[in-house]
Amino acid sequence: MVIDGRSYSHEVLEHYRFRAIELHEEGKKVNDIADFFGVHRCSVSDWISAYKKYGKEKLKSTKAQGPAFKYDVEEIKNLLNFLQDNAMMHGFETPLWTCKRIQTVMKKITNKKLHTTNIMRLLRRTGLTPQKPERRASQRDDVVVKRWLDEEWPRIKAHCRRWQAMLYFQDEAGISLTPVMGKTWAPKGKTPIVKVTGKRGGLCVTSAISPAGKMIFRIEKKRVNADKHIEFLEQMLKQHPRRKIIVIEDRAPVHRANKIKEFVEMHKKRLAVYLLPSYAPELNPDEHVWEYLKAYKLKAHQAQDTKELRKLVKRKMQGIQRKKKVINSFFVGTYVL
């Protein structure tokens, strides 16, 4: 029975070719060799002819090169150039690039249509990867942010050295009764159901972390206002009765209230407060506390009301507070270290 040679691996076919030449030189007939290997006699004849004309090198397996790529080097260079723009500059409604959108733009430029699967392969081959963009407020002023890093931050560090002060980054966040859901293992096609409370509500947490691995936190009973923020600053001063403290926080209205300025002025020998540029949360390492708390420690939590949620958040925050290495990790990769 003749078997389609394409069902054999490259290694097997290469062995068959060399063995066929040996049998032919031993005097075996082409038909007998073909029957022995289960291939067509024409294949055996082609092997013998190739061997006689080019030698054994011609019988070695080679990987098929496939069809020539549709885009030339210059066209690929153009592709990489326009990917540096956001997609809205090319007439799309949102700034994200998809393989379909790239296909559309390249069709206009080159008059060649490449399948989206091949576009994805091309992007990976050129070192690009699909990534989730970082959100950044459109109101953000990059010039102000750069000036803060170049001028204000060196002044803060000099102030810390002069005072031998504890440096803290402070922030507030809301914690919802509705939990962040993670992933779990389940049979394919059978999406698991996790029961959580249908009640609305939550609470507010204030925290401050130091590059020294310290954390101070407070769970608020009500919304944070100037008085509540002053209470938190007092808590920080009590935590370090013999140390001077420098606090860096964002420009939330509560942080810029006159009451806060008066409180800082009253304690100016021990306390200094600096404000970050507007719409620049990435400058505050304390933001990572909330990412860690919500997406890891409170993932799929089962609190049924704010009372249970308060107990749970307190326990999780205390757990973070005890782990100096975890707190230090919030500063890794930032301008602070």
C-alpha atoms as a PDB file:
ATOM      1  CA  MET A   1       0.000   0.000   0.000  1.00  0.00           C
ATOM      2  CA  VAL A   2       1.318   3.418  -0.948  1.00  0.00           C
ATOM      3  CA  ILE A   3       1.323   5.890   1.943  1.00  0.00           C
ATOM      4  CA  ASP A   4       1.405   9.673   1.463  1.00  0.00           C
ATOM      5  CA  GLY A   5       4.953  10.657   2.339  1.00  0.00           C
ATOM      6  CA  ARG A   6       3.678  13.885   3.934  1.00  0.00           C
ATOM      7  CA  SER A   7       2.468  11.821   6.882  1.00  0.00           C
ATOM      8  CA  TYR A   8       6.097  11.022   7.764  1.00  0.00           C
ATOM      9  CA  SER A   9       8.276  13.404   9.781  1.00  0.00           C
ATOM     10  CA  HIS A  10      11.242  15.116   8.110  1.00  0.00           C
ATOM     11  CA  GLU A  11      13.663  12.948  10.076  1.00  0.00           C
ATOM     12  CA  VAL A  12      11.966   9.701   8.960  1.00  0.00           C
ATOM     13  CA  LEU A  13      11.877  10.725   5.300  1.00  0.00           C
ATOM     14  CA  GLU A  14      15.539  11.716   5.408  1.00  0.00           C
ATOM     15  CA  HIS A  15      16.391   8.258   6.778  1.00  0.00           C
ATOM     16  CA  TYR A  16      14.264   6.605   4.068  1.00  0.00           C
ATOM     17  CA  ARG A  17      16.077   8.534   1.319  1.00  0.00           C
ATOM     18  CA  PHE A  18      19.531   7.526   2.494  1.00  0.00           C
ATOM     19  CA  ARG A  19      18.430   3.920   3.024  1.00  0.00           C
ATOM     20  CA  ALA A  20      16.820   3.834  -0.437  1.00  0.00           C
ATOM     21  CA  ILE A  21      20.138   4.860  -2.030  1.00  0.00           C
ATOM     22  CA  GLU A  22      21.955   2.083  -0.122  1.00  0.00           C
ATOM     23  CA  LEU A  23      19.400  -0.526  -1.300  1.00  0.00           C
ATOM     24  CA  HIS A  24      19.606   0.728  -4.879  1.00  0.00           C
ATOM     25  CA  GLU A  25      23.409   0.424  -4.846  1.00  0.00           C
ATOM     26  CA  GLU A  26      22.970  -3.132  -3.520  1.00  0.00           C
ATOM     27  CA  GLY A  27      21.002  -3.941  -6.679  1.00  0.00           C
ATOM     28  CA  LYS A  28      17.442  -3.654  -5.407  1.00  0.00           C
ATOM     29  CA  LYS A  29      14.823  -2.527  -7.958  1.00  0.00           C
ATOM     30  CA  VAL A  30      12.981   0.811  -7.654  1.00  0.00           C
ATOM     31  CA  ASN A  31       9.571  -0.885  -7.340  1.00  0.00           C
ATOM     32  CA  ASP A  32      10.798  -3.154  -4.528  1.00  0.00           C
ATOM     33  CA  ILE A  33      12.292  -0.206  -2.629  1.00  0.00           C
ATOM     34  CA  ALA A  34       9.058   1.758  -3.032  1.00  0.00           C
ATOM     35  CA  ASP A  35       7.007  -1.191  -1.725  1.00  0.00           C
ATOM     36  CA  PHE A  36       9.371  -1.648   1.199  1.00  0.00           C
ATOM     37  CA  PHE A  37       8.976   1.973   2.362  1.00  0.00           C
ATOM     38  CA  GLY A  38       5.329   2.313   1.333  1.00  0.00           C
ATOM     39  CA  VAL A  39       5.958   5.293  -0.990  1.00  0.00           C
ATOM     40  CA  HIS A  40       5.346   5.884  -4.682  1.00  0.00           C
ATOM     41  CA  ARG A  41       7.989   4.547  -7.092  1.00  0.00           C
ATOM     42  CA  CYS A  42       8.353   8.078  -8.562  1.00  0.00           C
ATOM     43  CA  SER A  43       9.530   9.339  -5.192  1.00  0.00           C
ATOM     44  CA  VAL A  44      12.259   6.690  -5.080  1.00  0.00           C
ATOM     45  CA  SER A  45      13.285   7.572  -8.657  1.00  0.00           C
ATOM     46  CA  ASP A  46      13.494  11.267  -7.701  1.00  0.00           C
ATOM     47  CA  TRP A  47      15.713  10.411  -4.724  1.00  0.00           C
ATOM     48  CA  ILE A  48      18.076   8.369  -6.883  1.00  0.00           C
ATOM     49  CA  SER A  49      18.249  11.095  -9.564  1.00  0.00           C
ATOM     50  CA  ALA A  50      18.940  13.807  -6.992  1.00  0.00           C
ATOM     51  CA  TYR A  51      21.678  11.689  -5.419  1.00  0.00           C
ATOM     52  CA  LYS A  52      23.381  11.047  -8.762  1.00  0.00           C
ATOM     53  CA  LYS A  53      23.248  14.710  -9.757  1.00  0.00           C
ATOM     54  CA  TYR A  54      23.950  16.531  -6.454  1.00  0.00           C
ATOM     55  CA  GLY A  55      25.169  13.916  -3.962  1.00  0.00           C
ATOM     56  CA  LYS A  56      23.947  13.139  -0.432  1.00  0.00           C
ATOM     57  CA  GLU A  57      23.536  16.796   0.549  1.00  0.00           C
ATOM     58  CA  LYS A  58      20.481  16.996  -1.660  1.00  0.00           C
ATOM     59  CA  LEU A  59      18.791  14.182   0.285  1.00  0.00           C
ATOM     60  CA  LYS A  60      18.944  15.994   3.646  1.00  0.00           C
ATOM     61  CA  SER A  61      15.731  17.453   5.056  1.00  0.00           C
ATOM     62  CA  THR A  62      15.251  21.202   4.800  1.00  0.00           C
ATOM     63  CA  LYS A  63      12.619  23.413   6.368  1.00  0.00           C
ATOM     64  CA  ALA A  64      10.154  24.867   3.886  1.00  0.00           C
ATOM     65  CA  GLN A  65      10.706  28.621   3.518  1.00  0.00           C
ATOM     66  CA  GLY A  66       7.035  29.333   2.902  1.00  0.00           C
ATOM     67  CA  PRO A  67       5.724  32.160   0.734  1.00  0.00           C
ATOM     68  CA  ALA A  68       7.596  35.451   0.510  1.00  0.00           C
ATOM     69  CA  PHE A  69       6.484  38.022   3.103  1.00  0.00           C
ATOM     70  CA  LYS A  70       4.097  40.627   1.722  1.00  0.00           C
ATOM     71  CA  TYR A  71       5.679  43.676   3.371  1.00  0.00           C
ATOM     72  CA  ASP A  72       9.192  44.765   2.436  1.00  0.00           C
ATOM     73  CA  VAL A  73      11.692  46.298   4.869  1.00  0.00           C
ATOM     74  CA  GLU A  74      10.605  49.878   4.138  1.00  0.00           C
ATOM     75  CA  GLU A  75       6.935  49.060   4.671  1.00  0.00           C
ATOM     76  CA  ILE A  76       7.690  47.380   8.010  1.00  0.00           C
ATOM     77  CA  LYS A  77       9.658  50.483   9.018  1.00  0.00           C
ATOM     78  CA  ASN A  78       6.630  52.648   8.173  1.00  0.00           C
ATOM     79  CA  LEU A  79       4.444  50.328  10.257  1.00  0.00           C
ATOM     80  CA  LEU A  80       6.693  50.710  13.317  1.00  0.00           C
ATOM     81  CA  ASN A  81       6.745  54.495  12.831  1.00  0.00           C
ATOM     82  CA  PHE A  82       2.988  55.011  12.775  1.00  0.00           C
ATOM     83  CA  LEU A  83       2.530  52.701  15.780  1.00  0.00           C
ATOM     84  CA  GLN A  84       4.322  55.365  17.821  1.00  0.00           C
ATOM     85  CA  ASP A  85       1.256  57.589  17.246  1.00  0.00           C
ATOM     86  CA  ASN A  86      -2.009  56.896  19.007  1.00  0.00           C
ATOM     87  CA  ALA A  87      -4.699  55.425  16.760  1.00  0.00           C
ATOM     88  CA  MET A  88      -6.858  58.572  16.949  1.00  0.00           C
ATOM     89  CA  MET A  89      -4.259  60.370  14.818  1.00  0.00           C
ATOM     90  CA  HIS A  90      -5.168  57.956  12.031  1.00  0.00           C
ATOM     91  CA  GLY A  91      -8.910  58.508  12.199  1.00  0.00           C
ATOM     92  CA  PHE A  92      -9.974  55.962  14.820  1.00  0.00           C
ATOM     93  CA  GLU A  93     -12.312  56.748  17.700  1.00  0.00           C
ATOM     94  CA  THR A  94     -10.020  55.527  20.504  1.00  0.00           C
ATOM     95  CA  PRO A  95      -6.193  55.625  20.892  1.00  0.00           C
ATOM     96  CA  LEU A  96      -5.556  51.853  21.100  1.00  0.00           C
ATOM     97  CA  TRP A  97      -4.003  49.846  18.246  1.00  0.00           C
ATOM     98  CA  THR A  98      -5.501  46.477  17.304  1.00  0.00           C
ATOM     99  CA  CYS A  99      -4.390  44.090  14.559  1.00  0.00           C
ATOM    100  CA  LYS A 100      -7.565  44.972  12.643  1.00  0.00           C
ATOM    101  CA  ARG A 101      -6.771  48.686  12.777  1.00  0.00           C
ATOM    102  CA  ILE A 102      -3.174  48.074  11.723  1.00  0.00           C
ATOM    103  CA  GLN A 103      -4.469  45.965   8.833  1.00  0.00           C
ATOM    104  CA  THR A 104      -6.710  48.857   7.716  1.00  0.00           C
ATOM    105  CA  VAL A 105      -3.930  51.470   7.834  1.00  0.00           C
ATOM    106  CA  MET A 106      -1.382  49.221   6.090  1.00  0.00           C
ATOM    107  CA  LYS A 107      -3.939  48.453   3.350  1.00  0.00           C
ATOM    108  CA  LYS A 108      -4.191  52.197   2.652  1.00  0.00           C
ATOM    109  CA  ILE A 109      -0.409  52.687   2.672  1.00  0.00           C
ATOM    110  CA  THR A 110       0.744  49.589   0.748  1.00  0.00           C
ATOM    111  CA  ASN A 111      -2.425  48.407  -1.032  1.00  0.00           C
ATOM    112  CA  LYS A 112      -1.622  44.986   0.443  1.00  0.00           C
ATOM    113  CA  LYS A 113      -3.958  43.141   2.792  1.00  0.00           C
ATOM    114  CA  LEU A 114      -2.263  40.944   5.368  1.00  0.00           C
ATOM    115  CA  HIS A 115      -4.315  38.660   7.614  1.00  0.00           C
ATOM    116  CA  THR A 116      -4.580  39.884  11.202  1.00  0.00           C
ATOM    117  CA  THR A 117      -2.929  36.664  12.447  1.00  0.00           C
ATOM    118  CA  ASN A 118       0.141  37.389  10.313  1.00  0.00           C
ATOM    119  CA  ILE A 119       0.158  40.996  11.498  1.00  0.00           C
ATOM    120  CA  MET A 120       0.254  39.730  15.088  1.00  0.00           C
ATOM    121  CA  ARG A 121       3.175  37.426  14.212  1.00  0.00           C
ATOM    122  CA  LEU A 122       4.997  40.323  12.528  1.00  0.00           C
ATOM    123  CA  LEU A 123       4.538  42.569  15.569  1.00  0.00           C
ATOM    124  CA  ARG A 124       5.909  39.890  17.890  1.00  0.00           C
ATOM    125  CA  ARG A 125       8.845  39.279  15.531  1.00  0.00           C
ATOM    126  CA  THR A 126       9.746  42.978  15.637  1.00  0.00           C
ATOM    127  CA  GLY A 127       9.793  42.960  19.450  1.00  0.00           C
ATOM    128  CA  LEU A 128       6.329  44.397  20.138  1.00  0.00           C
ATOM    129  CA  THR A 129       3.996  42.854  22.718  1.00  0.00           C
ATOM    130  CA  PRO A 130       0.322  43.456  23.606  1.00  0.00           C
ATOM    131  CA  GLN A 131       0.260  45.635  26.725  1.00  0.00           C
ATOM    132  CA  LYS A 132      -2.305  47.242  28.986  1.00  0.00           C
ATOM    133  CA  PRO A 133      -1.714  51.011  28.828  1.00  0.00           C
ATOM    134  CA  GLU A 134      -1.209  53.029  31.972  1.00  0.00           C
ATOM    135  CA  ARG A 135      -4.039  55.487  32.578  1.00  0.00           C
ATOM    136  CA  ARG A 136      -2.949  59.130  32.712  1.00  0.00           C
ATOM    137  CA  ALA A 137      -5.225  62.135  33.206  1.00  0.00           C
ATOM    138  CA  SER A 138      -5.547  64.428  30.191  1.00  0.00           C
ATOM    139  CA  GLN A 139      -5.384  67.412  32.605  1.00  0.00           C
ATOM    140  CA  ARG A 140      -1.897  66.389  33.743  1.00  0.00           C
ATOM    141  CA  ASP A 141       0.871  68.939  33.029  1.00  0.00           C
ATOM    142  CA  ASP A 142       4.083  67.030  32.261  1.00  0.00           C
ATOM    143  CA  VAL A 143       6.147  70.229  32.501  1.00  0.00           C
ATOM    144  CA  VAL A 144       4.967  70.778  36.082  1.00  0.00           C
ATOM    145  CA  VAL A 145       5.658  67.110  36.942  1.00  0.00           C
ATOM    146  CA  LYS A 146       9.193  67.339  35.539  1.00  0.00           C
ATOM    147  CA  ARG A 147       9.828  70.585  37.414  1.00  0.00           C
ATOM    148  CA  TRP A 148       8.640  68.956  40.657  1.00  0.00           C
ATOM    149  CA  LEU A 149      11.023  66.024  40.164  1.00  0.00           C
ATOM    150  CA  ASP A 150      13.947  68.268  39.167  1.00  0.00           C
ATOM    151  CA  GLU A 151      13.468  71.053  41.723  1.00  0.00           C
ATOM    152  CA  GLU A 152      10.966  70.267  44.498  1.00  0.00           C
ATOM    153  CA  TRP A 153      12.025  66.669  45.183  1.00  0.00           C
ATOM    154  CA  PRO A 154      15.731  67.577  45.734  1.00  0.00           C
ATOM    155  CA  ARG A 155      14.570  70.283  48.173  1.00  0.00           C
ATOM    156  CA  ILE A 156      12.453  67.736  50.076  1.00  0.00           C
ATOM    157  CA  LYS A 157      15.400  65.325  50.304  1.00  0.00           C
ATOM    158  CA  ALA A 158      17.648  68.133  51.557  1.00  0.00           C
ATOM    159  CA  HIS A 159      15.009  69.056  54.146  1.00  0.00           C
ATOM    160  CA  CYS A 160      14.880  65.409  55.287  1.00  0.00           C
ATOM    161  CA  ARG A 161      18.645  65.289  55.739  1.00  0.00           C
ATOM    162  CA  ARG A 162      18.712  68.616  57.569  1.00  0.00           C
ATOM    163  CA  TRP A 163      15.952  67.571  59.960  1.00  0.00           C
ATOM    164  CA  GLN A 164      16.951  63.885  60.146  1.00  0.00           C
ATOM    165  CA  ALA A 165      13.213  63.443  59.592  1.00  0.00           C
ATOM    166  CA  MET A 166      10.911  60.495  58.930  1.00  0.00           C
ATOM    167  CA  LEU A 167       9.572  60.784  55.389  1.00  0.00           C
ATOM    168  CA  TYR A 168       6.011  59.597  54.713  1.00  0.00           C
ATOM    169  CA  PHE A 169       3.888  59.433  51.575  1.00  0.00           C
ATOM    170  CA  GLN A 170       0.189  59.751  52.447  1.00  0.00           C
ATOM    171  CA  ASP A 171      -3.042  58.993  50.580  1.00  0.00           C
ATOM    172  CA  GLU A 172      -6.711  58.029  51.086  1.00  0.00           C
ATOM    173  CA  ALA A 173      -8.793  55.442  49.264  1.00  0.00           C
ATOM    174  CA  GLY A 174     -12.341  54.140  49.268  1.00  0.00           C
ATOM    175  CA  ILE A 175     -12.902  50.414  49.856  1.00  0.00           C
ATOM    176  CA  SER A 176     -16.129  49.030  48.402  1.00  0.00           C
ATOM    177  CA  LEU A 177     -18.353  46.241  49.680  1.00  0.00           C
ATOM    178  CA  THR A 178     -18.337  44.996  46.071  1.00  0.00           C
ATOM    179  CA  PRO A 179     -15.064  43.008  45.817  1.00  0.00           C
ATOM    180  CA  VAL A 180     -12.538  42.775  43.005  1.00  0.00           C
ATOM    181  CA  MET A 181     -12.921  39.293  41.488  1.00  0.00           C
ATOM    182  CA  GLY A 182      -9.836  37.258  40.609  1.00  0.00           C
ATOM    183  CA  LYS A 183      -9.558  33.977  38.704  1.00  0.00           C
ATOM    184  CA  THR A 184     -10.146  30.416  39.873  1.00  0.00           C
ATOM    185  CA  TRP A 185      -9.847  26.919  38.400  1.00  0.00           C
ATOM    186  CA  ALA A 186     -13.015  25.372  36.958  1.00  0.00           C
ATOM    187  CA  PRO A 187     -14.067  22.913  34.219  1.00  0.00           C
ATOM    188  CA  LYS A 188     -13.873  24.407  30.731  1.00  0.00           C
ATOM    189  CA  GLY A 189     -17.131  26.051  29.688  1.00  0.00           C
ATOM    190  CA  LYS A 190     -18.548  26.090  33.232  1.00  0.00           C
ATOM    191  CA  THR A 191     -18.044  29.553  34.657  1.00  0.00           C
ATOM    192  CA  PRO A 192     -18.047  29.357  38.468  1.00  0.00           C
ATOM    193  CA  ILE A 193     -20.301  31.609  40.559  1.00  0.00           C
ATOM    194  CA  VAL A 194     -19.053  33.363  43.689  1.00  0.00           C
ATOM    195  CA  LYS A 195     -21.779  34.767  45.910  1.00  0.00           C
ATOM    196  CA  VAL A 196     -21.075  38.254  47.295  1.00  0.00           C
ATOM    197  CA  THR A 197     -23.261  40.808  49.019  1.00  0.00           C
ATOM    198  CA  GLY A 198     -25.625  42.839  46.893  1.00  0.00           C
ATOM    199  CA  LYS A 199     -25.537  45.730  49.373  1.00  0.00           C
ATOM    200  CA  ARG A 200     -23.953  49.018  48.414  1.00  0.00           C
ATOM    201  CA  GLY A 201     -21.501  50.837  50.608  1.00  0.00           C
ATOM    202  CA  GLY A 202     -17.910  50.948  51.724  1.00  0.00           C
ATOM    203  CA  LEU A 203     -15.488  52.856  53.862  1.00  0.00           C
ATOM    204  CA  CYS A 204     -12.499  55.175  53.583  1.00  0.00           C
ATOM    205  CA  VAL A 205      -8.965  54.319  54.672  1.00  0.00           C
ATOM    206  CA  THR A 206      -6.051  56.708  55.151  1.00  0.00           C
ATOM    207  CA  SER A 207      -2.495  55.418  55.100  1.00  0.00           C
ATOM    208  CA  ALA A 208       1.065  56.724  55.040  1.00  0.00           C
ATOM    209  CA  ILE A 209       4.156  54.702  54.190  1.00  0.00           C
ATOM    210  CA  SER A 210       7.848  55.417  54.657  1.00  0.00           C
ATOM    211  CA  PRO A 211      10.880  54.196  52.662  1.00  0.00           C
ATOM    212  CA  ALA A 212      12.085  52.917  56.054  1.00  0.00           C
ATOM    213  CA  GLY A 213       9.357  50.233  55.876  1.00  0.00           C
ATOM    214  CA  LYS A 214       6.924  51.903  58.294  1.00  0.00           C
ATOM    215  CA  MET A 215       3.173  52.263  57.738  1.00  0.00           C
ATOM    216  CA  ILE A 216       0.516  54.197  59.651  1.00  0.00           C
ATOM    217  CA  PHE A 217      -3.158  53.771  58.778  1.00  0.00           C
ATOM    218  CA  ARG A 218      -6.579  54.805  59.990  1.00  0.00           C
ATOM    219  CA  ILE A 219     -10.051  53.571  58.999  1.00  0.00           C
ATOM    220  CA  GLU A 220     -12.433  56.514  58.898  1.00  0.00           C
ATOM    221  CA  LYS A 221     -16.003  56.327  60.169  1.00  0.00           C
ATOM    222  CA  LYS A 222     -17.058  59.187  57.906  1.00  0.00           C
ATOM    223  CA  ARG A 223     -15.833  60.901  54.781  1.00  0.00           C
ATOM    224  CA  VAL A 224     -12.389  62.479  55.186  1.00  0.00           C
ATOM    225  CA  ASN A 225     -12.480  66.231  55.806  1.00  0.00           C
ATOM    226  CA  ALA A 226      -9.937  68.711  57.173  1.00  0.00           C
ATOM    227  CA  ASP A 227     -10.631  67.741  60.783  1.00  0.00           C
ATOM    228  CA  LYS A 228     -10.195  64.017  60.042  1.00  0.00           C
ATOM    229  CA  HIS A 229      -6.962  64.730  58.175  1.00  0.00           C
ATOM    230  CA  ILE A 230      -5.641  66.751  61.124  1.00  0.00           C
ATOM    231  CA  GLU A 231      -6.427  63.811  63.395  1.00  0.00           C
ATOM    232  CA  PHE A 232      -4.349  61.571  61.128  1.00  0.00           C
ATOM    233  CA  LEU A 233      -1.419  64.026  61.168  1.00  0.00           C
ATOM    234  CA  GLU A 234      -1.662  64.082  64.964  1.00  0.00           C
ATOM    235  CA  GLN A 235      -1.571  60.282  64.955  1.00  0.00           C
ATOM    236  CA  MET A 236       1.665  60.408  62.930  1.00  0.00           C
ATOM    237  CA  LEU A 237       3.223  62.853  65.392  1.00  0.00           C
ATOM    238  CA  LYS A 238       2.265  60.613  68.327  1.00  0.00           C
ATOM    239  CA  GLN A 239       3.715  57.606  66.518  1.00  0.00           C
ATOM    240  CA  HIS A 240       7.126  59.348  66.427  1.00  0.00           C
ATOM    241  CA  PRO A 241       7.214  61.531  69.571  1.00  0.00           C
ATOM    242  CA  ARG A 242      10.953  62.245  69.268  1.00  0.00           C
ATOM    243  CA  ARG A 243      11.196  62.570  65.489  1.00  0.00           C
ATOM    244  CA  LYS A 244      10.454  65.284  62.963  1.00  0.00           C
ATOM    245  CA  ILE A 245       8.142  64.244  60.150  1.00  0.00           C
ATOM    246  CA  ILE A 246       7.847  65.261  56.509  1.00  0.00           C
ATOM    247  CA  VAL A 247       4.655  64.269  54.686  1.00  0.00           C
ATOM    248  CA  ILE A 248       4.148  64.196  50.914  1.00  0.00           C
ATOM    249  CA  GLU A 249       0.541  64.030  49.692  1.00  0.00           C
ATOM    250  CA  ASP A 250      -1.591  64.916  46.680  1.00  0.00           C
ATOM    251  CA  ARG A 251      -3.458  68.160  46.074  1.00  0.00           C
ATOM    252  CA  ALA A 252      -6.898  66.967  47.169  1.00  0.00           C
ATOM    253  CA  PRO A 253      -9.000  69.931  48.419  1.00  0.00           C
ATOM    254  CA  VAL A 254      -8.927  68.556  51.971  1.00  0.00           C
ATOM    255  CA  HIS A 255      -5.100  68.686  51.961  1.00  0.00           C
ATOM    256  CA  ARG A 256      -5.136  72.341  50.909  1.00  0.00           C
ATOM    257  CA  ALA A 257      -7.715  73.529  53.433  1.00  0.00           C
ATOM    258  CA  ASN A 258      -6.849  76.537  55.624  1.00  0.00           C
ATOM    259  CA  LYS A 259      -7.272  74.389  58.763  1.00  0.00           C
ATOM    260  CA  ILE A 260      -4.479  72.092  57.534  1.00  0.00           C
ATOM    261  CA  LYS A 261      -2.168  75.033  56.816  1.00  0.00           C
ATOM    262  CA  GLU A 262      -2.815  76.436  60.295  1.00  0.00           C
ATOM    263  CA  PHE A 263      -2.145  73.038  61.913  1.00  0.00           C
ATOM    264  CA  VAL A 264       1.138  72.608  60.017  1.00  0.00           C
ATOM    265  CA  GLU A 265       2.154  76.148  60.970  1.00  0.00           C
ATOM    266  CA  MET A 266       1.458  75.382  64.652  1.00  0.00           C
ATOM    267  CA  HIS A 267       3.747  72.316  64.468  1.00  0.00           C
ATOM    268  CA  LYS A 268       6.299  73.701  62.017  1.00  0.00           C
ATOM    269  CA  LYS A 269       9.193  72.714  64.288  1.00  0.00           C
ATOM    270  CA  ARG A 270       8.277  69.037  63.910  1.00  0.00           C
ATOM    271  CA  LEU A 271       6.036  68.749  60.849  1.00  0.00           C
ATOM    272  CA  ALA A 272       6.326  69.766  57.186  1.00  0.00           C
ATOM    273  CA  VAL A 273       3.866  68.944  54.404  1.00  0.00           C
ATOM    274  CA  TYR A 274       4.656  69.003  50.681  1.00  0.00           C
ATOM    275  CA  LEU A 275       2.104  68.625  47.886  1.00  0.00           C
ATOM    276  CA  LEU A 276       2.543  66.570  44.729  1.00  0.00           C
ATOM    277  CA  PRO A 277       1.689  67.942  41.269  1.00  0.00           C
ATOM    278  CA  SER A 278      -1.952  67.578  40.215  1.00  0.00           C
ATOM    279  CA  TYR A 279      -3.006  64.419  38.367  1.00  0.00           C
ATOM    280  CA  ALA A 280       0.281  62.608  39.049  1.00  0.00           C
ATOM    281  CA  PRO A 281      -0.674  59.603  41.225  1.00  0.00           C
ATOM    282  CA  GLU A 282       2.351  57.613  40.004  1.00  0.00           C
ATOM    283  CA  LEU A 283       4.547  59.962  42.062  1.00  0.00           C
ATOM    284  CA  ASN A 284       2.939  58.675  45.266  1.00  0.00           C
ATOM    285  CA  PRO A 285       4.161  55.161  46.250  1.00  0.00           C
ATOM    286  CA  ASP A 286       1.269  54.950  48.733  1.00  0.00           C
ATOM    287  CA  GLU A 287      -1.002  54.313  45.719  1.00  0.00           C
ATOM    288  CA  HIS A 288       0.524  50.820  45.558  1.00  0.00           C
ATOM    289  CA  VAL A 289      -0.909  50.061  49.005  1.00  0.00           C
ATOM    290  CA  TRP A 290      -4.416  50.295  47.559  1.00  0.00           C
ATOM    291  CA  GLU A 291      -3.526  48.203  44.515  1.00  0.00           C
ATOM    292  CA  TYR A 292      -2.124  45.490  46.793  1.00  0.00           C
ATOM    293  CA  LEU A 293      -5.005  45.682  49.279  1.00  0.00           C
ATOM    294  CA  LYS A 294      -7.866  45.611  46.744  1.00  0.00           C
ATOM    295  CA  ALA A 295      -6.480  43.264  44.090  1.00  0.00           C
ATOM    296  CA  TYR A 296      -4.682  40.831  46.400  1.00  0.00           C
ATOM    297  CA  LYS A 297      -5.650  40.990  50.067  1.00  0.00           C
ATOM    298  CA  LEU A 298      -9.360  41.733  49.523  1.00  0.00           C
ATOM    299  CA  LYS A 299      -9.840  39.801  46.281  1.00  0.00           C
ATOM    300  CA  ALA A 300     -13.286  38.130  46.241  1.00  0.00           C
ATOM    301  CA  HIS A 301     -13.844  39.074  49.902  1.00  0.00           C
ATOM    302  CA  GLN A 302     -16.983  37.792  51.599  1.00  0.00           C
ATOM    303  CA  ALA A 303     -17.846  40.745  53.870  1.00  0.00           C
ATOM    304  CA  GLN A 304     -21.634  41.148  53.958  1.00  0.00           C
ATOM    305  CA  ASP A 305     -21.869  44.658  55.437  1.00  0.00           C
ATOM    306  CA  THR A 306     -19.636  47.619  56.329  1.00  0.00           C
ATOM    307  CA  LYS A 307     -19.145  46.327  59.878  1.00  0.00           C
ATOM    308  CA  GLU A 308     -17.642  43.074  58.584  1.00  0.00           C
ATOM    309  CA  LEU A 309     -15.706  44.968  55.918  1.00  0.00           C
ATOM    310  CA  ARG A 310     -14.188  47.269  58.552  1.00  0.00           C
ATOM    311  CA  LYS A 311     -12.923  44.296  60.608  1.00  0.00           C
ATOM    312  CA  LEU A 312     -11.543  42.623  57.482  1.00  0.00           C
ATOM    313  CA  VAL A 313      -9.767  45.754  56.207  1.00  0.00           C
ATOM    314  CA  LYS A 314      -8.266  46.407  59.641  1.00  0.00           C
ATOM    315  CA  ARG A 315      -6.871  42.864  59.795  1.00  0.00           C
ATOM    316  CA  LYS A 316      -5.448  43.037  56.265  1.00  0.00           C
ATOM    317  CA  MET A 317      -3.880  46.475  56.810  1.00  0.00           C
ATOM    318  CA  GLN A 318      -2.312  45.277  60.057  1.00  0.00           C
ATOM    319  CA  GLY A 319      -0.897  42.332  58.119  1.00  0.00           C
ATOM    320  CA  ILE A 320       0.703  44.707  55.604  1.00  0.00           C
ATOM    321  CA  GLN A 321       1.915  46.952  58.424  1.00  0.00           C
ATOM    322  CA  ARG A 322       3.866  44.071  59.975  1.00  0.00           C
ATOM    323  CA  LYS A 323       5.685  43.228  56.728  1.00  0.00           C
ATOM    324  CA  LYS A 324       8.522  45.676  56.206  1.00  0.00           C
ATOM    325  CA  LYS A 325       9.630  44.007  52.959  1.00  0.00           C
ATOM    326  CA  VAL A 326       6.149  44.379  51.457  1.00  0.00           C
ATOM    327  CA  ILE A 327       6.105  48.091  52.322  1.00  0.00           C
ATOM    328  CA  ASN A 328       9.599  48.510  50.873  1.00  0.00           C
ATOM    329  CA  SER A 329       8.417  46.844  47.660  1.00  0.00           C
ATOM    330  CA  PHE A 330       5.962  49.720  47.095  1.00  0.00           C
ATOM    331  CA  PHE A 331       8.969  51.997  46.550  1.00  0.00           C
ATOM    332  CA  VAL A 332      10.856  49.693  44.152  1.00  0.00           C
ATOM    333  CA  GLY A 333      11.167  51.257  40.703  1.00  0.00           C
ATOM    334  CA  THR A 334      10.031  54.717  41.851  1.00  0.00           C
ATOM    335  CA  TYR A 335      11.988  57.972  41.860  1.00  0.00           C
ATOM    336  CA  VAL A 336      12.205  57.724  45.681  1.00  0.00           C
ATOM    337  CA  LEU A 337      14.841  54.949  45.711  1.00  0.00           C
END
